[in-house]
PDB file of N, CA and C in Angstrom:
ATOM      1  N   MET A   1      74.840  79.185  74.190  1.00  0.00           N
ATOM      2  CA  MET A   1      75.752  79.438  75.489  1.00  0.00           C
ATOM      3  C   MET A   1      77.274  80.065  74.825  1.00  0.00           C
ATOM      4  N   LYS A   2      77.700  80.716  75.185  1.00  0.00           N
ATOM      5  CA  LYS A   2      79.095  81.100  74.762  1.00  0.00           C
ATOM      6  C   LYS A   2      80.299  80.648  75.761  1.00  0.00           C
ATOM      7  N   LYS A   3      81.294  80.193  75.255  1.00  0.00           N
ATOM      8  CA  LYS A   3      82.436  79.579  75.779  1.00  0.00           C
ATOM      9  C   LYS A   3      83.412  80.692  75.758  1.00  0.00           C
ATOM     10  N   GLU A   4      83.929  80.758  77.424  1.00  0.00           N
ATOM     11  CA  GLU A   4      84.751  82.058  77.643  1.00  0.00           C
ATOM     12  C   GLU A   4      86.173  81.363  77.464  1.00  0.00           C
ATOM     13  N   THR A   5      87.027  82.116  76.396  1.00  0.00           N
ATOM     14  CA  THR A   5      88.133  81.929  76.321  1.00  0.00           C
ATOM     15  C   THR A   5      89.134  82.622  77.014  1.00  0.00           C
ATOM     16  N   LYS A   6      90.356  82.258  77.309  1.00  0.00           N
ATOM     17  CA  LYS A   6      91.361  83.158  78.306  1.00  0.00           C
ATOM     18  C   LYS A   6      92.472  83.333  77.231  1.00  0.00           C
ATOM     19  N   THR A   7      93.397  84.356  77.222  1.00  0.00           N
ATOM     20  CA  THR A   7      94.398  84.345  76.410  1.00  0.00           C
ATOM     21  C   THR A   7      95.390  85.247  77.305  1.00  0.00           C
ATOM     22  N   LYS A   8      96.781  85.067  77.321  1.00  0.00           N
ATOM     23  CA  LYS A   8      97.753  85.733  77.880  1.00  0.00           C
ATOM     24  C   LYS A   8      98.164  86.881  77.145  1.00  0.00           C
ATOM     25  N   ILE A   9      98.357  87.963  77.520  1.00  0.00           N
ATOM     26  CA  ILE A   9      99.121  89.169  77.145  1.00  0.00           C
ATOM     27  C   ILE A   9     100.226  89.274  77.926  1.00  0.00           C
ATOM     28  N   GLU A  10     101.500  89.918  77.668  1.00  0.00           N
ATOM     29  CA  GLU A  10     102.399  90.199  78.260  1.00  0.00           C
ATOM     30  C   GLU A  10     102.752  91.657  77.957  1.00  0.00           C
ATOM     31  N   GLU A  11     103.161  92.290  78.949  1.00  0.00           N
ATOM     32  CA  GLU A  11     103.544  93.837  78.583  1.00  0.00           C
ATOM     33  C   GLU A  11     104.498  94.194  79.438  1.00  0.00           C
ATOM     34  N   THR A  12     105.570  95.189  78.845  1.00  0.00           N
ATOM     35  CA  THR A  12     106.776  95.179  79.736  1.00  0.00           C
ATOM     36  C   THR A  12     106.666  97.102  79.951  1.00  0.00           C
ATOM     37  N   PHE A  13     107.077  97.265  81.196  1.00  0.00           N
ATOM     38  CA  PHE A  13     107.384  98.937  81.327  1.00  0.00           C
ATOM     39  C   PHE A  13     108.661  99.340  81.874  1.00  0.00           C
ATOM     40  N   ARG A  14     109.413 100.205  81.517  1.00  0.00           N
ATOM     41  CA  ARG A  14     110.781 100.524  82.201  1.00  0.00           C
ATOM     42  C   ARG A  14     110.311 101.511  82.968  1.00  0.00           C
ATOM     43  N   VAL A  15     110.757 101.411  84.134  1.00  0.00           N
ATOM     44  CA  VAL A  15     110.480 102.314  85.343  1.00  0.00           C
ATOM     45  C   VAL A  15     112.011 102.903  86.235  1.00  0.00           C
ATOM     46  N   THR A  16     111.996 103.705  87.091  1.00  0.00           N
ATOM     47  CA  THR A  16     113.169 103.899  87.722  1.00  0.00           C
ATOM     48  C   THR A  16     112.443 103.250  89.189  1.00  0.00           C
ATOM     49  N   GLY A  17     113.815 102.982  89.989  1.00  0.00           N
ATOM     50  CA  GLY A  17     113.405 102.758  91.307  1.00  0.00           C
ATOM     51  C   GLY A  17     112.609 103.214  92.174  1.00  0.00           C
ATOM     52  N   GLU A  18     112.628 104.766  92.174  1.00  0.00           N
ATOM     53  CA  GLU A  18     112.051 105.342  93.033  1.00  0.00           C
ATOM     54  C   GLU A  18     110.172 105.342  92.431  1.00  0.00           C
ATOM     55  N   ASN A  19     109.764 105.010  91.298  1.00  0.00           N
ATOM     56  CA  ASN A  19     108.562 104.838  91.008  1.00  0.00           C
ATOM     57  C   ASN A  19     108.061 103.276  90.656  1.00  0.00           C
ATOM     58  N   LEU A  20     109.160 102.410  91.136  1.00  0.00           N
ATOM     59  CA  LEU A  20     108.661 100.649  91.039  1.00  0.00           C
ATOM     60  C   LEU A  20     107.839 100.492  91.607  1.00  0.00           C
ATOM     61  N   LEU A  21     107.519 100.912  93.024  1.00  0.00           N
ATOM     62  CA  LEU A  21     106.542 100.694  93.710  1.00  0.00           C
ATOM     63  C   LEU A  21     105.366 101.222  93.838  1.00  0.00           C
ATOM     64  N   LYS A  22     105.319 102.485  93.122  1.00  0.00           N
ATOM     65  CA  LYS A  22     104.007 103.074  92.899  1.00  0.00           C
ATOM     66  C   LYS A  22     103.245 102.144  91.378  1.00  0.00           C
ATOM     67  N   LYS A  23     104.461 101.850  90.440  1.00  0.00           N
ATOM     68  CA  LYS A  23     103.746 101.115  89.549  1.00  0.00           C
ATOM     69  C   LYS A  23     103.263  99.801  89.583  1.00  0.00           C
ATOM     70  N   VAL A  24     103.737  99.101  90.597  1.00  0.00           N
ATOM     71  CA  VAL A  24     103.432  97.728  90.641  1.00  0.00           C
ATOM     72  C   VAL A  24     101.866  97.545  91.736  1.00  0.00           C
ATOM     73  N   ASN A  25     101.952  98.604  92.331  1.00  0.00           N
ATOM     74  CA  ASN A  25     100.510  98.836  93.352  1.00  0.00           C
ATOM     75  C   ASN A  25      99.559  99.180  92.161  1.00  0.00           C
ATOM     76  N   GLU A  26      99.640  99.859  91.280  1.00  0.00           N
ATOM     77  CA  GLU A  26      98.752 100.222  90.198  1.00  0.00           C
ATOM     78  C   GLU A  26      98.728  99.160  89.286  1.00  0.00           C
ATOM     79  N   LEU A  27      99.322  98.060  89.106  1.00  0.00           N
ATOM     80  CA  LEU A  27      98.933  97.129  88.496  1.00  0.00           C
ATOM     81  C   LEU A  27      98.162  96.017  89.270  1.00  0.00           C
ATOM     82  N   ILE A  28      98.604  95.864  90.656  1.00  0.00           N
ATOM     83  CA  ILE A  28      97.942  94.996  91.476  1.00  0.00           C
ATOM     84  C   ILE A  28      96.259  95.269  91.251  1.00  0.00           C
ATOM     85  N   LYS A  29      96.155  96.643  91.527  1.00  0.00           N
ATOM     86  CA  LYS A  29      94.820  97.101  91.779  1.00  0.00           C
ATOM     87  C   LYS A  29      94.142  96.894  90.220  1.00  0.00           C
ATOM     88  N   GLU A  30      94.609  96.677  89.118  1.00  0.00           N
ATOM     89  CA  GLU A  30      93.927  96.557  87.786  1.00  0.00           C
ATOM     90  C   GLU A  30      93.077  95.360  87.741  1.00  0.00           C
ATOM     91  N   GLY A  31      93.725  94.343  88.793  1.00  0.00           N
ATOM     92  CA  GLY A  31      92.827  93.316  88.823  1.00  0.00           C
ATOM     93  C   GLY A  31      92.917  91.971  88.180  1.00  0.00           C
ATOM     94  N   ASN A  32      93.534  92.260  86.385  1.00  0.00           N
ATOM     95  CA  ASN A  32      93.658  91.388  85.708  1.00  0.00           C
ATOM     96  C   ASN A  32      95.160  90.745  85.437  1.00  0.00           C
ATOM     97  N   VAL A  33      96.069  91.126  86.304  1.00  0.00           N
ATOM     98  CA  VAL A  33      97.104  90.919  86.276  1.00  0.00           C
ATOM     99  C   VAL A  33      97.534  89.282  86.864  1.00  0.00           C
ATOM    100  N   ARG A  34      98.187  88.681  86.246  1.00  0.00           N
ATOM    101  CA  ARG A  34      98.214  87.041  86.827  1.00  0.00           C
ATOM    102  C   ARG A  34      99.710  86.791  87.343  1.00  0.00           C
ATOM    103  N   LYS A  35     100.760  87.520  86.786  1.00  0.00           N
ATOM    104  CA  LYS A  35     102.293  87.444  86.916  1.00  0.00           C
ATOM    105  C   LYS A  35     102.901  88.751  87.021  1.00  0.00           C
ATOM    106  N   VAL A  36     103.750  89.016  87.685  1.00  0.00           N
ATOM    107  CA  VAL A  36     104.470  90.439  87.657  1.00  0.00           C
ATOM    108  C   VAL A  36     106.032  89.801  87.828  1.00  0.00           C
ATOM    109  N   THR A  37     106.798  90.204  87.196  1.00  0.00           N
ATOM    110  CA  THR A  37     108.458  89.988  86.890  1.00  0.00           C
ATOM    111  C   THR A  37     109.356  91.186  86.864  1.00  0.00           C
ATOM    112  N   ILE A  38     110.047  91.597  87.732  1.00  0.00           N
ATOM    113  CA  ILE A  38     110.945  92.634  88.042  1.00  0.00           C
ATOM    114  C   ILE A  38     112.195  92.301  87.391  1.00  0.00           C
ATOM    115  N   LYS A  39     113.055  92.808  86.510  1.00  0.00           N
ATOM    116  CA  LYS A  39     114.395  92.617  86.126  1.00  0.00           C
ATOM    117  C   LYS A  39     115.078  93.821  86.201  1.00  0.00           C
ATOM    118  N   ASP A  40     116.679  93.719  86.353  1.00  0.00           N
ATOM    119  CA  ASP A  40     117.140  94.632  86.547  1.00  0.00           C
ATOM    120  C   ASP A  40     117.724  94.988  84.951  1.00  0.00           C
ATOM    121  N   LYS A  41     118.307  96.350  85.044  1.00  0.00           N
ATOM    122  CA  LYS A  41     118.603  96.737  83.705  1.00  0.00           C
ATOM    123  C   LYS A  41     119.596  95.765  82.516  1.00  0.00           C
ATOM    124  N   ASN A  42     120.217  95.025  83.217  1.00  0.00           N
ATOM    125  CA  ASN A  42     120.864  93.495  82.885  1.00  0.00           C
ATOM    126  C   ASN A  42     120.135  92.582  82.431  1.00  0.00           C
ATOM    127  N   GLY A  43     118.724  92.767  82.547  1.00  0.00           N
ATOM    128  CA  GLY A  43     117.782  91.651  82.456  1.00  0.00           C
ATOM    129  C   GLY A  43     117.718  90.457  83.515  1.00  0.00           C
ATOM    130  N   LYS A  44     118.723  90.684  84.808  1.00  0.00           N
ATOM    131  CA  LYS A  44     118.787  89.586  85.494  1.00  0.00           C
ATOM    132  C   LYS A  44     117.331  89.832  86.440  1.00  0.00           C
ATOM    133  N   ILE A  45     116.717  88.599  86.891  1.00  0.00           N
ATOM    134  CA  ILE A  45     115.127  88.728  87.398  1.00  0.00           C
ATOM    135  C   ILE A  45     115.695  88.945  88.936  1.00  0.00           C
ATOM    136  N   LEU A  46     114.800  89.839  89.593  1.00  0.00           N
ATOM    137  CA  LEU A  46     114.996  90.098  90.812  1.00  0.00           C
ATOM    138  C   LEU A  46     113.821  89.699  91.501  1.00  0.00           C
ATOM    139  N   VAL A  47     112.562  89.693  91.199  1.00  0.00           N
ATOM    140  CA  VAL A  47     111.392  89.370  91.638  1.00  0.00           C
ATOM    141  C   VAL A  47     110.468  88.950  90.443  1.00  0.00           C
ATOM    142  N   ASP A  48     109.897  87.853  90.907  1.00  0.00           N
ATOM    143  CA  ASP A  48     109.002  86.878  90.041  1.00  0.00           C
ATOM    144  C   ASP A  48     108.033  86.370  91.163  1.00  0.00           C
ATOM    145  N   PHE A  49     106.558  87.034  91.204  1.00  0.00           N
ATOM    146  CA  PHE A  49     105.780  86.469  91.711  1.00  0.00           C
ATOM    147  C   PHE A  49     104.453  86.551  90.969  1.00  0.00           C
ATOM    148  N   PRO A  50     103.620  85.370  91.370  1.00  0.00           N
ATOM    149  CA  PRO A  50     102.293  85.404  90.703  1.00  0.00           C
ATOM    150  C   PRO A  50     101.227  86.134  91.527  1.00  0.00           C
ATOM    151  N   LEU A  51     100.154  86.599  91.002  1.00  0.00           N
ATOM    152  CA  LEU A  51      99.126  87.072  91.480  1.00  0.00           C
ATOM    153  C   LEU A  51      97.763  86.338  91.177  1.00  0.00           C
ATOM    154  N   THR A  52      97.078  85.774  92.073  1.00  0.00           N
ATOM    155  CA  THR A  52      95.917  84.920  91.776  1.00  0.00           C
ATOM    156  C   THR A  52      94.806  85.572  92.255  1.00  0.00           C
ATOM    157  N   LEU A  53      93.759  85.017  91.876  1.00  0.00           N
ATOM    158  CA  LEU A  53      92.416  85.528  92.213  1.00  0.00           C
ATOM    159  C   LEU A  53      92.383  85.500  94.030  1.00  0.00           C
ATOM    160  N   GLY A  54      91.993  86.712  94.646  1.00  0.00           N
ATOM    161  CA  GLY A  54      92.059  86.531  95.869  1.00  0.00           C
ATOM    162  C   GLY A  54      93.350  87.150  96.712  1.00  0.00           C
ATOM    163  N   VAL A  55      94.206  87.184  95.693  1.00  0.00           N
ATOM    164  CA  VAL A  55      95.517  87.713  96.823  1.00  0.00           C
ATOM    165  C   VAL A  55      95.514  89.143  96.879  1.00  0.00           C
ATOM    166  N   VAL A  56      95.174  89.560  98.046  1.00  0.00           N
ATOM    167  CA  VAL A  56      95.286  90.961  98.315  1.00  0.00           C
ATOM    168  C   VAL A  56      95.565  91.280  99.791  1.00  0.00           C
ATOM    169  N   GLY A  57      95.747  92.540  99.930  1.00  0.00           N
ATOM    170  CA  GLY A  57      95.871  92.924 101.821  1.00  0.00           C
ATOM    171  C   GLY A  57      96.999  92.357 102.083  1.00  0.00           C
ATOM    172  N   ALA A  58      97.081  91.662 103.037  1.00  0.00           N
ATOM    173  CA  ALA A  58      98.085  91.495 103.794  1.00  0.00           C
ATOM    174  C   ALA A  58      98.881  90.107 103.310  1.00  0.00           C
ATOM    175  N   ALA A  59      98.370  89.605 102.609  1.00  0.00           N
ATOM    176  CA  ALA A  59      98.893  88.424 101.786  1.00  0.00           C
ATOM    177  C   ALA A  59     100.033  88.939 100.621  1.00  0.00           C
ATOM    178  N   ILE A  60      99.762  89.964 100.211  1.00  0.00           N
ATOM    179  CA  ILE A  60     100.981  90.554  99.146  1.00  0.00           C
ATOM    180  C   ILE A  60     101.733  91.850  99.798  1.00  0.00           C
ATOM    181  N   ALA A  61     101.492  91.966 101.232  1.00  0.00           N
ATOM    182  CA  ALA A  61     102.255  92.688 102.046  1.00  0.00           C
ATOM    183  C   ALA A  61     103.889  92.601 102.083  1.00  0.00           C
ATOM    184  N   PRO A  62     104.303  91.111 102.228  1.00  0.00           N
ATOM    185  CA  PRO A  62     105.731  90.882 101.833  1.00  0.00           C
ATOM    186  C   PRO A  62     106.266  91.144 100.720  1.00  0.00           C
ATOM    187  N   VAL A  63     105.506  90.827  99.869  1.00  0.00           N
ATOM    188  CA  VAL A  63     106.144  90.996  98.272  1.00  0.00           C
ATOM    189  C   VAL A  63     106.263  92.602  97.925  1.00  0.00           C
ATOM    190  N   LEU A  64     105.187  93.392  98.533  1.00  0.00           N
ATOM    191  CA  LEU A  64     105.327  95.006  98.483  1.00  0.00           C
ATOM    192  C   LEU A  64     106.649  95.209  99.216  1.00  0.00           C
ATOM    193  N   ALA A  65     106.812  94.779 100.459  1.00  0.00           N
ATOM    194  CA  ALA A  65     108.039  95.199 101.238  1.00  0.00           C
ATOM    195  C   ALA A  65     109.563  94.802 100.492  1.00  0.00           C
ATOM    196  N   ALA A  66     109.413  93.772 100.123  1.00  0.00           N
ATOM    197  CA  ALA A  66     110.662  93.225  99.300  1.00  0.00           C
ATOM    198  C   ALA A  66     110.880  94.353  98.039  1.00  0.00           C
ATOM    199  N   ILE A  67     109.677  94.656  97.161  1.00  0.00           N
ATOM    200  CA  ILE A  67     109.911  95.401  96.151  1.00  0.00           C
ATOM    201  C   ILE A  67     110.345  97.023  96.667  1.00  0.00           C
ATOM    202  N   GLY A  68     109.995  97.291  98.004  1.00  0.00           N
ATOM    203  CA  GLY A  68     110.272  98.379  98.480  1.00  0.00           C
ATOM    204  C   GLY A  68     111.623  98.602  98.496  1.00  0.00           C
ATOM    205  N   ALA A  69     112.131  97.575  99.360  1.00  0.00           N
ATOM    206  CA  ALA A  69     113.697  96.966  99.418  1.00  0.00           C
ATOM    207  C   ALA A  69     114.527  97.466  98.149  1.00  0.00           C
ATOM    208  N   ILE A  70     113.934  96.462  97.039  1.00  0.00           N
ATOM    209  CA  ILE A  70     114.551  96.463  96.037  1.00  0.00           C
ATOM    210  C   ILE A  70     114.853  97.845  95.185  1.00  0.00           C
ATOM    211  N   ALA A  71     113.523  98.632  95.152  1.00  0.00           N
ATOM    212  CA  ALA A  71     113.589 100.211  94.844  1.00  0.00           C
ATOM    213  C   ALA A  71     114.462 100.931  95.291  1.00  0.00           C
ATOM    214  N   ALA A  72     115.006 100.688  96.520  1.00  0.00           N
ATOM    215  CA  ALA A  72     115.832 101.816  97.037  1.00  0.00           C
ATOM    216  C   ALA A  72     117.253 101.389  96.517  1.00  0.00           C
ATOM    217  N   LEU A  73     117.555 100.241  95.828  1.00  0.00           N
ATOM    218  CA  LEU A  73     119.078  99.751  95.674  1.00  0.00           C
ATOM    219  C   LEU A  73     119.023  99.875  93.965  1.00  0.00           C
ATOM    220  N   ILE A  74     118.048  99.853  93.122  1.00  0.00           N
ATOM    221  CA  ILE A  74     118.329 100.097  91.880  1.00  0.00           C
ATOM    222  C   ILE A  74     117.967 101.250  91.203  1.00  0.00           C
ATOM    223  N   GLY A  75     118.656 101.728  89.800  1.00  0.00           N
ATOM    224  CA  GLY A  75     118.357 103.262  89.308  1.00  0.00           C
ATOM    225  C   GLY A  75     117.191 102.760  88.341  1.00  0.00           C
ATOM    226  N   GLU A  76     117.301 101.860  87.374  1.00  0.00           N
ATOM    227  CA  GLU A  76     116.289 101.393  86.361  1.00  0.00           C
ATOM    228  C   GLU A  76     116.035  99.887  86.266  1.00  0.00           C
ATOM    229  N   CYS A  77     114.709  99.861  86.148  1.00  0.00           N
ATOM    230  CA  CYS A  77     114.423  98.270  85.896  1.00  0.00           C
ATOM    231  C   CYS A  77     113.100  98.088  84.836  1.00  0.00           C
ATOM    232  N   THR A  78     112.866  96.950  84.803  1.00  0.00           N
ATOM    233  CA  THR A  78     111.738  96.686  83.692  1.00  0.00           C
ATOM    234  C   THR A  78     110.905  95.676  84.492  1.00  0.00           C
ATOM    235  N   ILE A  79     109.685  96.005  84.584  1.00  0.00           N
ATOM    236  CA  ILE A  79     108.582  95.041  84.942  1.00  0.00           C
ATOM    237  C   ILE A  79     107.658  94.664  84.014  1.00  0.00           C
ATOM    238  N   SER A  80     107.548  93.133  83.701  1.00  0.00           N
ATOM    239  CA  SER A  80     106.885  92.339  82.722  1.00  0.00           C
ATOM    240  C   SER A  80     105.820  91.943  83.492  1.00  0.00           C
ATOM    241  N   VAL A  81     104.620  92.049  82.891  1.00  0.00           N
ATOM    242  CA  VAL A  81     103.640  91.832  83.727  1.00  0.00           C
ATOM    243  C   VAL A  81     102.340  90.792  82.646  1.00  0.00           C
ATOM    244  N   GLU A  82     101.947  89.768  83.209  1.00  0.00           N
ATOM    245  CA  GLU A  82     101.272  88.681  82.305  1.00  0.00           C
ATOM    246  C   GLU A  82      99.739  89.103  83.005  1.00  0.00           C
ATOM    247  N   ARG A  83      99.076  89.192  81.769  1.00  0.00           N
ATOM    248  CA  ARG A  83      97.366  89.275  81.991  1.00  0.00           C
ATOM    249  C   ARG A  83      96.789  88.639  81.371  1.00  0.00           C
ATOM    250  N   GLU A  84      95.578  88.290  81.776  1.00  0.00           N
ATOM    251  CA  GLU A  84      94.634  87.215  81.321  1.00  0.00           C
ATOM    252  C   GLU A  84      93.530  88.122  80.690  1.00  0.00           C
ATOM    253  N   ASN A  85      93.534  88.055  79.578  1.00  0.00           N
ATOM    254  CA  ASN A  85      92.384  88.495  78.887  1.00  0.00           C
ATOM    255  C   ASN A  85      91.103  87.577  78.507  1.00  0.00           C
ATOM    256  N   ARG A  86      89.783  88.007  79.026  1.00  0.00           N
ATOM    257  CA  ARG A  86      88.733  86.941  78.528  1.00  0.00           C
ATOM    258  C   ARG A  86      88.288  87.559  77.368  1.00  0.00           C
ATOM    259  N   VAL A  87      88.035  86.566  76.372  1.00  0.00           N
ATOM    260  CA  VAL A  87      87.337  87.052  75.122  1.00  0.00           C
ATOM    261  C   VAL A  87      86.135  86.290  75.138  1.00  0.00           C
TER     262      VAL A  87
END
């Protein structure tokens, strides 16, 4: 019987404000994302939220609304994503 090992992988994406919500939705649908951090172009953290198994639909709606509001106010931002990779 093999033991399952989990490793964390971090990725960073640069997006414009108008594409921010779309990209976050894509990442959430992938399913292996554990944490999302959104920073402005100066590196200041604007939003930092964990995604745990089972967090879907109505539970994530307030976070997406906040991201939509941020997207309307900023030009460019960075999304840092922490993924869980099972080996």
